[in-house]
């Protein structure tokens, strides 16, 4: 099915990009979005190593050339020396959206005390929202459950496509609009 809605999914992992182990984060994001979104969309997936310039370049290509309205990354958000996804994201965004990271950490802290070590961030580049997620599939779901209600409206505000969600999975919040039940 052809669609104009394109969503970037970027796995940042030295080992997954080298084929040492299977990427679980990218497929978890794609599966979540397939359940949550009723608007037809096309995934634009990448698996890349933990390299700040490569991450930044990939985000730029997905936003500027591939026309992704949403780019979701997984991995590289911890305190280890090779964890540079937030820095690469900050290198390319024009408007930081700190509330996304704050909410994701708040939700994650109810599950595990080490969530305080997480450095997820988000921001706007052109007409794309970039959101950094943790690497584990369960944490990805928890974080997306927290922030997904705001993502469609954020994309509306940056003049992106209209994303509809399945209210049985997640209810998108749009001010002044009655939630669909």
N, C-alpha and C. Protein backbone atom coordinates (compact mmCIF):
# COMPACT_ATOMS: atom_id res chain seq x y z
N UNK A 1 0.85 -1.18 0.00
CA UNK A 1 0.00 0.00 0.00
C UNK A 1 0.90 1.24 0.00
N UNK A 2 0.64 2.12 -0.93
CA UNK A 2 1.43 3.35 -1.03
C UNK A 2 0.80 4.44 -0.16
N UNK A 3 1.65 5.19 0.49
CA UNK A 3 1.17 6.27 1.34
C UNK A 3 2.21 7.37 1.39
N UNK A 4 1.76 8.56 1.69
CA UNK A 4 2.68 9.68 1.84
C UNK A 4 3.24 9.75 3.26
N UNK A 5 2.64 9.04 4.21
CA UNK A 5 3.10 9.09 5.59
C UNK A 5 4.27 8.13 5.75
N UNK A 6 5.41 8.71 6.08
CA UNK A 6 6.64 7.92 6.25
C UNK A 6 7.14 8.13 7.68
N UNK A 7 7.50 7.03 8.32
CA UNK A 7 8.00 7.08 9.69
C UNK A 7 9.36 6.40 9.74
N UNK A 8 10.36 7.14 10.21
CA UNK A 8 11.70 6.60 10.34
C UNK A 8 11.84 5.81 11.64
N UNK A 9 12.48 4.66 11.54
CA UNK A 9 12.75 3.81 12.70
C UNK A 9 14.24 3.50 12.67
N UNK A 10 14.97 4.02 13.65
CA UNK A 10 16.43 3.90 13.64
C UNK A 10 16.90 3.13 14.88
N UNK A 11 17.51 2.00 14.64
CA UNK A 11 18.16 1.24 15.71
C UNK A 11 19.61 1.66 15.76
N UNK A 12 20.04 2.14 16.92
CA UNK A 12 21.43 2.55 17.11
C UNK A 12 22.10 1.50 18.00
N UNK A 13 22.96 0.69 17.38
CA UNK A 13 23.61 -0.38 18.11
C UNK A 13 24.82 -0.88 17.33
N UNK A 14 25.99 -0.82 17.95
CA UNK A 14 27.19 -1.37 17.31
C UNK A 14 27.00 -2.84 16.99
N UNK A 15 26.50 -3.60 17.96
CA UNK A 15 26.39 -5.06 17.79
C UNK A 15 25.29 -5.46 16.82
N UNK A 16 24.14 -4.82 16.88
CA UNK A 16 23.07 -5.17 15.93
C UNK A 16 23.47 -4.78 14.51
N UNK A 17 24.12 -3.64 14.35
CA UNK A 17 24.52 -3.21 13.00
C UNK A 17 25.61 -4.10 12.42
N UNK A 18 26.39 -4.75 13.29
CA UNK A 18 27.43 -5.67 12.84
C UNK A 18 26.92 -7.10 12.68
N UNK A 19 25.66 -7.33 13.00
CA UNK A 19 25.09 -8.66 12.87
C UNK A 19 25.44 -9.60 14.01
N UNK A 20 25.99 -9.07 15.11
CA UNK A 20 26.36 -9.90 16.25
C UNK A 20 25.11 -10.41 16.96
N UNK A 21 24.06 -9.59 17.01
CA UNK A 21 22.77 -10.07 17.49
C UNK A 21 21.66 -9.39 16.71
N UNK A 22 20.49 -9.99 16.80
CA UNK A 22 19.34 -9.48 16.05
C UNK A 22 18.83 -8.19 16.67
N UNK A 23 18.43 -7.28 15.80
CA UNK A 23 17.79 -6.04 16.23
C UNK A 23 16.41 -6.39 16.76
N UNK A 24 16.16 -6.08 18.02
CA UNK A 24 14.83 -6.28 18.59
C UNK A 24 14.10 -4.95 18.76
N UNK A 25 14.85 -3.85 18.91
CA UNK A 25 14.24 -2.55 19.16
C UNK A 25 13.47 -2.01 17.97
N UNK A 26 14.08 -2.01 16.80
CA UNK A 26 13.41 -1.51 15.59
C UNK A 26 12.12 -2.26 15.31
N UNK A 27 12.17 -3.61 15.28
CA UNK A 27 10.92 -4.36 15.07
C UNK A 27 9.87 -4.10 16.16
N UNK A 28 10.29 -3.86 17.40
CA UNK A 28 9.33 -3.56 18.47
C UNK A 28 8.64 -2.23 18.20
N UNK A 29 9.38 -1.24 17.74
CA UNK A 29 8.78 0.05 17.40
C UNK A 29 7.80 -0.12 16.25
N UNK A 30 8.23 -0.81 15.20
CA UNK A 30 7.36 -0.99 14.04
C UNK A 30 6.07 -1.73 14.42
N UNK A 31 6.19 -2.77 15.24
CA UNK A 31 5.01 -3.53 15.67
C UNK A 31 4.07 -2.65 16.50
N UNK A 32 4.65 -1.83 17.38
CA UNK A 32 3.83 -0.93 18.20
C UNK A 32 3.06 0.04 17.31
N UNK A 33 3.77 0.68 16.39
CA UNK A 33 3.12 1.66 15.52
C UNK A 33 2.08 1.00 14.61
N UNK A 34 2.34 -0.24 14.19
CA UNK A 34 1.36 -0.96 13.37
C UNK A 34 0.06 -1.20 14.15
N UNK A 35 0.18 -1.42 15.45
CA UNK A 35 -1.02 -1.59 16.29
C UNK A 35 -1.68 -0.25 16.60
N UNK A 36 -0.89 0.76 16.87
CA UNK A 36 -1.42 2.03 17.37
C UNK A 36 -2.00 2.93 16.27
N UNK A 37 -1.41 2.91 15.10
CA UNK A 37 -1.83 3.84 14.04
C UNK A 37 -2.83 3.18 13.09
N UNK A 38 -3.90 3.90 12.79
CA UNK A 38 -4.84 3.42 11.78
C UNK A 38 -4.58 4.11 10.44
N UNK A 39 -3.88 5.22 10.44
CA UNK A 39 -3.49 5.87 9.19
C UNK A 39 -2.49 4.97 8.48
N UNK A 40 -2.62 4.80 7.17
CA UNK A 40 -1.61 4.02 6.45
C UNK A 40 -0.27 4.76 6.47
N UNK A 41 0.80 4.01 6.69
CA UNK A 41 2.13 4.61 6.78
C UNK A 41 3.17 3.61 6.29
N UNK A 42 4.32 4.14 5.95
CA UNK A 42 5.43 3.32 5.48
C UNK A 42 6.61 3.47 6.42
N UNK A 43 7.14 2.35 6.94
CA UNK A 43 8.34 2.44 7.77
C UNK A 43 9.59 2.63 6.90
N UNK A 44 10.49 3.47 7.39
CA UNK A 44 11.80 3.67 6.76
C UNK A 44 12.82 3.31 7.83
N UNK A 45 13.27 2.05 7.80
CA UNK A 45 14.08 1.52 8.90
C UNK A 45 15.58 1.57 8.57
N UNK A 46 16.35 1.82 9.61
CA UNK A 46 17.81 1.81 9.53
C UNK A 46 18.37 1.15 10.78
N UNK A 47 19.45 0.41 10.64
CA UNK A 47 20.19 -0.15 11.76
C UNK A 47 21.63 0.34 11.59
N UNK A 48 22.09 1.16 12.54
CA UNK A 48 23.39 1.81 12.40
C UNK A 48 24.18 1.69 13.70
N UNK A 49 25.51 1.81 13.59
CA UNK A 49 26.34 1.77 14.81
C UNK A 49 26.24 3.06 15.63
N UNK A 50 26.77 2.96 16.85
CA UNK A 50 26.79 4.09 17.78
C UNK A 50 27.89 5.07 17.35
N UNK A 51 27.61 5.87 16.36
CA UNK A 51 28.55 6.87 15.87
C UNK A 51 27.80 8.18 15.72
N UNK A 52 28.21 9.18 16.48
CA UNK A 52 27.46 10.45 16.55
C UNK A 52 27.21 11.07 15.19
N UNK A 53 28.22 11.16 14.35
CA UNK A 53 28.05 11.79 13.04
C UNK A 53 27.12 10.96 12.17
N UNK A 54 27.26 9.65 12.19
CA UNK A 54 26.40 8.79 11.39
C UNK A 54 24.94 8.87 11.86
N UNK A 55 24.74 8.91 13.17
CA UNK A 55 23.38 9.05 13.70
C UNK A 55 22.78 10.38 13.24
N UNK A 56 23.53 11.45 13.40
CA UNK A 56 23.04 12.77 12.99
C UNK A 56 22.74 12.80 11.49
N UNK A 57 23.65 12.26 10.69
CA UNK A 57 23.44 12.24 9.24
C UNK A 57 22.20 11.42 8.87
N UNK A 58 22.00 10.30 9.55
CA UNK A 58 20.83 9.46 9.30
C UNK A 58 19.55 10.20 9.64
N UNK A 59 19.53 10.88 10.78
CA UNK A 59 18.35 11.66 11.17
C UNK A 59 18.05 12.75 10.15
N UNK A 60 19.09 13.41 9.67
CA UNK A 60 18.91 14.47 8.67
C UNK A 60 18.32 13.91 7.37
N UNK A 61 18.86 12.79 6.92
CA UNK A 61 18.36 12.18 5.68
C UNK A 61 16.89 11.78 5.84
N UNK A 62 16.56 11.16 6.97
CA UNK A 62 15.17 10.72 7.18
C UNK A 62 14.21 11.91 7.23
N UNK A 63 14.63 13.00 7.87
CA UNK A 63 13.77 14.19 7.97
C UNK A 63 13.74 14.98 6.67
N UNK A 64 14.91 15.26 6.12
CA UNK A 64 15.02 16.20 5.01
C UNK A 64 14.81 15.57 3.63
N UNK A 65 15.29 14.35 3.45
CA UNK A 65 15.22 13.72 2.12
C UNK A 65 14.13 12.67 2.02
N UNK A 66 13.97 11.87 3.07
CA UNK A 66 12.96 10.80 3.05
C UNK A 66 11.57 11.32 3.41
N UNK A 67 11.48 12.53 3.99
CA UNK A 67 10.20 13.13 4.31
C UNK A 67 9.45 12.46 5.46
N UNK A 68 10.18 11.89 6.41
CA UNK A 68 9.53 11.26 7.56
C UNK A 68 8.96 12.33 8.48
N UNK A 69 7.71 12.15 8.89
CA UNK A 69 7.08 13.10 9.82
C UNK A 69 7.42 12.75 11.27
N UNK A 70 7.77 11.50 11.50
CA UNK A 70 8.14 11.00 12.82
C UNK A 70 9.35 10.12 12.63
N UNK A 71 10.35 10.32 13.48
CA UNK A 71 11.54 9.47 13.47
C UNK A 71 11.73 9.00 14.89
N UNK A 72 11.71 7.69 15.08
CA UNK A 72 11.83 7.11 16.40
C UNK A 72 13.12 6.31 16.44
N UNK A 73 13.97 6.63 17.40
CA UNK A 73 15.22 5.90 17.55
C UNK A 73 15.14 4.97 18.75
N UNK A 74 15.96 3.93 18.73
CA UNK A 74 16.07 3.03 19.87
C UNK A 74 17.54 2.74 20.10
N UNK A 75 17.95 2.83 21.35
CA UNK A 75 19.33 2.54 21.71
C UNK A 75 20.18 3.79 21.82
N UNK A 76 21.28 3.62 22.53
CA UNK A 76 22.26 4.69 22.66
C UNK A 76 21.88 5.82 23.59
N UNK A 77 20.96 5.57 24.53
CA UNK A 77 20.51 6.65 25.41
C UNK A 77 21.00 6.51 26.85
N UNK A 78 21.88 5.56 27.10
CA UNK A 78 22.40 5.38 28.46
C UNK A 78 23.64 6.22 28.70
N UNK A 79 24.36 5.96 29.82
CA UNK A 79 25.53 6.75 30.16
C UNK A 79 26.86 6.18 29.65
N UNK A 80 26.85 5.06 28.96
CA UNK A 80 28.10 4.46 28.48
C UNK A 80 28.79 5.39 27.47
N UNK A 81 30.10 5.28 27.35
CA UNK A 81 30.82 6.17 26.43
C UNK A 81 30.30 6.14 24.98
N UNK A 82 29.85 4.98 24.49
CA UNK A 82 29.36 4.88 23.11
C UNK A 82 27.90 5.32 22.96
N UNK A 83 27.21 5.62 24.05
CA UNK A 83 25.82 6.06 24.00
C UNK A 83 25.76 7.54 23.64
N UNK A 84 25.52 7.83 22.36
CA UNK A 84 25.56 9.21 21.88
C UNK A 84 24.32 9.62 21.09
N UNK A 85 23.27 8.82 21.17
CA UNK A 85 22.05 9.16 20.40
C UNK A 85 21.48 10.51 20.81
N UNK A 86 21.35 10.83 22.10
CA UNK A 86 20.81 12.16 22.45
C UNK A 86 21.67 13.31 21.92
N UNK A 87 22.98 13.16 21.98
CA UNK A 87 23.86 14.21 21.47
C UNK A 87 23.68 14.39 19.96
N UNK A 88 23.60 13.27 19.23
CA UNK A 88 23.40 13.35 17.78
C UNK A 88 22.04 13.97 17.45
N UNK A 89 21.04 13.64 18.24
CA UNK A 89 19.71 14.23 18.05
C UNK A 89 19.77 15.74 18.29
N UNK A 90 20.42 16.14 19.37
CA UNK A 90 20.55 17.57 19.67
C UNK A 90 21.33 18.30 18.58
N UNK A 91 22.25 17.60 17.91
CA UNK A 91 23.02 18.22 16.83
C UNK A 91 22.13 18.62 15.65
N UNK A 92 21.00 17.92 15.45
CA UNK A 92 20.21 18.15 14.24
C UNK A 92 18.85 18.80 14.48
N UNK A 93 18.37 18.81 15.71
CA UNK A 93 17.04 19.39 15.93
C UNK A 93 17.09 20.92 15.96
N UNK A 94 15.96 21.51 15.63
CA UNK A 94 15.82 22.97 15.66
C UNK A 94 15.08 23.43 16.91
N UNK A 95 14.21 22.56 17.43
CA UNK A 95 13.44 22.88 18.63
C UNK A 95 13.46 21.67 19.56
N UNK A 96 14.06 21.81 20.73
CA UNK A 96 14.00 20.69 21.68
C UNK A 96 12.59 20.54 22.26
N UNK A 97 12.21 19.32 22.55
CA UNK A 97 10.92 19.01 23.15
C UNK A 97 11.17 18.20 24.42
N UNK A 98 11.66 18.85 25.48
CA UNK A 98 12.12 18.13 26.67
C UNK A 98 11.03 17.36 27.41
N UNK A 99 9.78 17.72 27.23
CA UNK A 99 8.70 17.03 27.92
C UNK A 99 8.63 15.55 27.58
N UNK A 100 9.01 15.19 26.36
CA UNK A 100 8.99 13.78 25.98
C UNK A 100 9.94 12.96 26.85
N UNK A 101 11.19 13.40 26.96
CA UNK A 101 12.16 12.69 27.79
C UNK A 101 11.77 12.68 29.25
N UNK A 102 11.25 13.81 29.73
CA UNK A 102 10.83 13.89 31.13
C UNK A 102 9.74 12.87 31.43
N UNK A 103 8.74 12.80 30.56
CA UNK A 103 7.64 11.85 30.78
C UNK A 103 8.12 10.41 30.67
N UNK A 104 8.95 10.12 29.68
CA UNK A 104 9.43 8.74 29.53
C UNK A 104 10.22 8.30 30.75
N UNK A 105 11.07 9.16 31.27
CA UNK A 105 11.83 8.80 32.48
C UNK A 105 10.90 8.63 33.68
N UNK A 106 9.91 9.50 33.81
CA UNK A 106 8.96 9.40 34.91
C UNK A 106 8.23 8.06 34.88
N UNK A 107 7.75 7.66 33.71
CA UNK A 107 7.04 6.39 33.58
C UNK A 107 8.00 5.22 33.84
N UNK A 108 9.19 5.30 33.28
CA UNK A 108 10.16 4.21 33.45
C UNK A 108 10.60 4.05 34.90
N UNK A 109 10.67 5.16 35.62
CA UNK A 109 11.07 5.09 37.04
C UNK A 109 10.08 4.32 37.90
N UNK A 110 8.84 4.21 37.46
CA UNK A 110 7.87 3.40 38.21
C UNK A 110 8.14 1.91 38.00
N UNK A 111 8.94 1.57 37.01
CA UNK A 111 9.24 0.17 36.69
C UNK A 111 10.61 -0.27 37.20
N UNK A 112 11.60 0.63 37.08
CA UNK A 112 12.98 0.25 37.41
C UNK A 112 13.76 1.49 37.88
N UNK A 113 14.49 1.39 39.00
CA UNK A 113 15.19 2.57 39.53
C UNK A 113 16.32 3.06 38.64
N UNK A 114 16.85 2.21 37.77
CA UNK A 114 17.94 2.65 36.90
C UNK A 114 17.45 3.50 35.73
N UNK A 115 16.14 3.73 35.62
CA UNK A 115 15.62 4.60 34.56
C UNK A 115 16.17 6.02 34.69
N UNK A 116 16.63 6.36 35.87
CA UNK A 116 17.22 7.68 36.07
C UNK A 116 18.49 7.86 35.22
N UNK A 117 19.07 6.75 34.77
CA UNK A 117 20.26 6.80 33.93
C UNK A 117 19.93 7.05 32.46
N UNK A 118 18.66 6.98 32.13
CA UNK A 118 18.23 7.14 30.75
C UNK A 118 18.29 8.61 30.34
N UNK A 119 18.66 8.83 29.07
CA UNK A 119 18.82 10.20 28.58
C UNK A 119 17.98 10.46 27.33
N UNK A 120 16.83 9.80 27.23
CA UNK A 120 15.98 10.02 26.06
C UNK A 120 15.67 11.50 25.91
N UNK A 121 15.56 11.90 24.66
CA UNK A 121 15.21 13.28 24.35
C UNK A 121 14.31 13.29 23.12
N UNK A 122 13.87 14.44 22.74
CA UNK A 122 13.06 14.59 21.53
C UNK A 122 13.20 16.01 21.02
N UNK A 123 12.88 16.19 19.75
CA UNK A 123 12.94 17.52 19.18
C UNK A 123 12.38 17.55 17.78
N UNK A 124 12.29 18.74 17.25
CA UNK A 124 11.72 18.99 15.93
C UNK A 124 12.83 19.37 14.97
N UNK A 125 12.79 18.77 13.80
CA UNK A 125 13.64 19.19 12.68
C UNK A 125 12.70 19.36 11.49
N UNK A 126 12.53 20.60 11.06
CA UNK A 126 11.61 20.86 9.95
C UNK A 126 10.21 20.39 10.30
N UNK A 127 9.69 19.46 9.52
CA UNK A 127 8.35 18.91 9.75
C UNK A 127 8.44 17.49 10.30
N UNK A 128 9.51 17.22 11.04
CA UNK A 128 9.69 15.89 11.63
C UNK A 128 9.88 16.00 13.13
N UNK A 129 9.20 15.12 13.85
CA UNK A 129 9.42 14.95 15.28
C UNK A 129 10.36 13.77 15.45
N UNK A 130 11.44 13.98 16.19
CA UNK A 130 12.41 12.92 16.47
C UNK A 130 12.30 12.57 17.94
N UNK A 131 12.10 11.29 18.24
CA UNK A 131 11.95 10.82 19.61
C UNK A 131 12.94 9.69 19.86
N UNK A 132 13.76 9.84 20.90
CA UNK A 132 14.70 8.79 21.31
C UNK A 132 14.05 7.88 22.34
N UNK A 133 14.14 6.58 22.11
CA UNK A 133 13.60 5.59 23.03
C UNK A 133 14.73 4.71 23.56
N UNK A 134 14.47 4.01 24.67
CA UNK A 134 15.46 3.04 25.14
C UNK A 134 15.56 1.86 24.17
N UNK A 135 16.42 0.90 24.49
CA UNK A 135 16.68 -0.20 23.58
C UNK A 135 15.87 -1.47 23.80
N UNK A 136 15.34 -1.67 24.97
CA UNK A 136 14.62 -2.92 25.26
C UNK A 136 13.16 -2.82 24.81
N UNK A 137 12.65 -3.88 24.16
CA UNK A 137 11.27 -3.84 23.66
C UNK A 137 10.23 -3.49 24.72
N UNK A 138 10.33 -4.03 25.92
CA UNK A 138 9.34 -3.71 26.95
C UNK A 138 9.40 -2.22 27.32
N UNK A 139 10.60 -1.67 27.44
CA UNK A 139 10.76 -0.25 27.75
C UNK A 139 10.27 0.62 26.60
N UNK A 140 10.47 0.15 25.38
CA UNK A 140 9.97 0.87 24.20
C UNK A 140 8.45 1.01 24.29
N UNK A 141 7.78 -0.09 24.58
CA UNK A 141 6.31 -0.06 24.69
C UNK A 141 5.86 0.86 25.81
N UNK A 142 6.50 0.77 26.96
CA UNK A 142 6.13 1.63 28.09
C UNK A 142 6.29 3.11 27.75
N UNK A 143 7.40 3.43 27.10
CA UNK A 143 7.65 4.83 26.75
C UNK A 143 6.70 5.32 25.66
N UNK A 144 6.45 4.49 24.65
CA UNK A 144 5.51 4.90 23.61
C UNK A 144 4.09 5.03 24.15
N UNK A 145 3.70 4.14 25.06
CA UNK A 145 2.39 4.29 25.69
C UNK A 145 2.27 5.66 26.36
N UNK A 146 3.36 6.14 26.94
CA UNK A 146 3.34 7.43 27.64
C UNK A 146 3.26 8.61 26.70
N UNK A 147 4.04 8.60 25.62
CA UNK A 147 4.15 9.79 24.77
C UNK A 147 3.28 9.77 23.52
N UNK A 148 2.82 8.59 23.12
CA UNK A 148 2.05 8.50 21.87
C UNK A 148 0.78 9.35 21.86
N UNK A 149 0.09 9.53 22.99
CA UNK A 149 -1.10 10.39 22.94
C UNK A 149 -0.81 11.81 22.43
N UNK A 150 0.40 12.30 22.63
CA UNK A 150 0.75 13.67 22.21
C UNK A 150 1.38 13.73 20.82
N UNK A 151 1.86 12.63 20.30
CA UNK A 151 2.61 12.65 19.04
C UNK A 151 1.76 13.12 17.85
N UNK A 152 0.54 12.60 17.63
CA UNK A 152 -0.22 13.09 16.47
C UNK A 152 -0.48 14.59 16.50
N UNK A 153 -0.80 15.14 17.66
CA UNK A 153 -1.05 16.58 17.74
C UNK A 153 0.23 17.38 17.51
N UNK A 154 1.34 16.89 18.03
CA UNK A 154 2.62 17.56 17.79
C UNK A 154 2.89 17.61 16.29
N UNK A 155 2.65 16.50 15.61
CA UNK A 155 2.88 16.47 14.16
C UNK A 155 1.90 17.40 13.44
N UNK A 156 0.66 17.51 13.94
CA UNK A 156 -0.27 18.51 13.40
C UNK A 156 0.33 19.91 13.49
N UNK A 157 0.88 20.23 14.66
CA UNK A 157 1.40 21.58 14.92
C UNK A 157 2.60 21.93 14.06
N UNK A 158 3.36 20.94 13.62
CA UNK A 158 4.52 21.21 12.76
C UNK A 158 4.16 21.02 11.28
N UNK A 159 2.86 20.97 11.01
CA UNK A 159 2.32 20.90 9.66
C UNK A 159 2.66 19.60 8.95
N UNK A 160 2.68 18.52 9.73
CA UNK A 160 2.87 17.19 9.16
C UNK A 160 1.54 16.56 8.84
N UNK A 161 1.56 15.30 8.41
CA UNK A 161 0.31 14.61 8.06
C UNK A 161 -0.54 14.30 9.29
N UNK A 162 -1.81 14.08 9.06
CA UNK A 162 -2.75 13.78 10.14
C UNK A 162 -2.65 12.29 10.48
N UNK A 163 -2.17 12.00 11.68
CA UNK A 163 -2.04 10.61 12.13
C UNK A 163 -3.23 10.25 13.00
N UNK A 164 -3.88 9.17 12.65
CA UNK A 164 -4.99 8.68 13.46
C UNK A 164 -4.54 7.42 14.20
N UNK A 165 -5.04 7.29 15.42
CA UNK A 165 -4.69 6.13 16.24
C UNK A 165 -5.93 5.27 16.46
N UNK A 166 -5.66 4.01 16.81
CA UNK A 166 -6.72 3.08 17.19
C UNK A 166 -7.00 3.32 18.66
N UNK A 167 -8.19 3.84 19.01
CA UNK A 167 -8.46 4.15 20.41
C UNK A 167 -8.46 2.93 21.33
N UNK A 168 -8.55 1.75 20.76
CA UNK A 168 -8.45 0.54 21.58
C UNK A 168 -7.00 0.32 22.03
N UNK A 169 -6.06 0.94 21.35
CA UNK A 169 -4.64 0.81 21.69
C UNK A 169 -4.14 2.05 22.41
N UNK A 170 -4.39 3.22 21.80
CA UNK A 170 -3.92 4.49 22.36
C UNK A 170 -4.85 5.59 21.86
N UNK A 171 -5.20 6.51 22.71
CA UNK A 171 -6.06 7.62 22.33
C UNK A 171 -5.19 8.85 22.12
N UNK A 172 -5.19 9.35 20.88
CA UNK A 172 -4.46 10.58 20.60
C UNK A 172 -5.25 11.76 21.15
N UNK A 173 -4.54 12.67 21.78
CA UNK A 173 -5.19 13.86 22.35
C UNK A 173 -4.99 15.04 21.40
N UNK A 174 -6.10 15.63 21.04
CA UNK A 174 -6.08 16.87 20.26
C UNK A 174 -7.02 17.84 20.97
N UNK A 175 -6.50 18.98 21.44
CA UNK A 175 -7.34 19.95 22.16
C UNK A 175 -8.56 20.33 21.35
N UNK A 176 -9.70 20.42 22.04
CA UNK A 176 -10.92 20.84 21.39
C UNK A 176 -11.61 19.74 20.60
N UNK A 177 -11.02 18.57 20.55
CA UNK A 177 -11.61 17.47 19.80
C UNK A 177 -12.09 16.43 20.80
N UNK A 178 -13.32 16.01 20.64
CA UNK A 178 -13.81 14.96 21.52
C UNK A 178 -13.10 13.66 21.19
N UNK A 179 -12.63 12.95 22.22
CA UNK A 179 -11.98 11.66 21.94
C UNK A 179 -12.97 10.70 21.31
N UNK A 180 -12.48 9.94 20.32
CA UNK A 180 -13.31 8.92 19.69
C UNK A 180 -13.34 7.71 20.61
N UNK A 181 -14.53 7.20 20.83
CA UNK A 181 -14.65 6.02 21.71
C UNK A 181 -15.13 4.81 20.97
